[in-house]
Amino acid sequence: MILFVIGLTVTHTWLRPDPLEVLGTIGEAAARPSSLRVVGRRIAASPAARLAVIAMLTGQAVMVGIMTITPLHMDNGDHEFRVIGWVISVHVIGMFAFSPIVGWLVDRIGPYLMVGLGGVILCIGAETAAHNSAEDSAGMFAGLLLVGLGWSFGLIAGSALLTSAFPVAQRVEMQGGADLLMTGGGAVAGLSSGVIMEHFGFHSLSHYAGLAALLLVAAAAAAWYNARQERAEPVPTG
């Protein structure tokens, strides 16, 4: 609670002027907020926005599903709470510590490739965790680190795709709609992970989560190809 209050105070004090105020859109957005249905239609109508939401939603579901149940899986292997805590800490480092580098890579090589790479990294991390016994901590360290890093790739590249697909005045509500879908997907994954583990085991949960992450690779490749074809089509004249 103390850290949240400090963060709130710093943001409220030094985030001045508000970025939307600088762009002159804060009053417009407040006066005519779009409904969730309108936001959903706008996202569905844009191929780039659809890929962005798929990347954010899939990454969140895979990451939360595996992360939520990892402590229980490791506890079944009689690991100390200290070791379990370090595994989750390394996972969180993978999620956030490399964010500036991930953002730089999005600028350099583009969001489509980064979404695809995020899917590959998520899959490798999930499979690494899936093929380790409950007594093995080294595999969990590596797997959870990669899952966190793959999530970072998908979230940052997806957010870049989403905001670039809409004019400035619509970006906040589009991001809010995408965040709602992403958080909802994570909530479903977190709530269902225990049920899946109970019936099928941690290894199956992590394995199929890794396979789901590969959908990002296919979706990113298809979206990149379609975007390239659209740019290559000649503009009709006359």
Foldseek 3Di string as FASTA:
>chain_A
DVVVVVVVVCCVPPCPPPPCVVVVQPVVCVVDPDDLVVLVVVLVVDLLSVLLLLLLQLLLLLLLLLLLCLVVLLVVLVDDVVLNVVLVVLLVCLQPVCLVVLLVVCVVPNLLVLLLVLLVLLLVLLQLVLPDHSNDSVSSSSSSSSSNNSSSSSNNSSLVSQQVRDDPNCSVVNVVSSVVSNVVSNVVSSVCSVVCCVVPNSSVSSNVSSVSSNVSNVSSVVSVVVVVVVVPDDDDDD
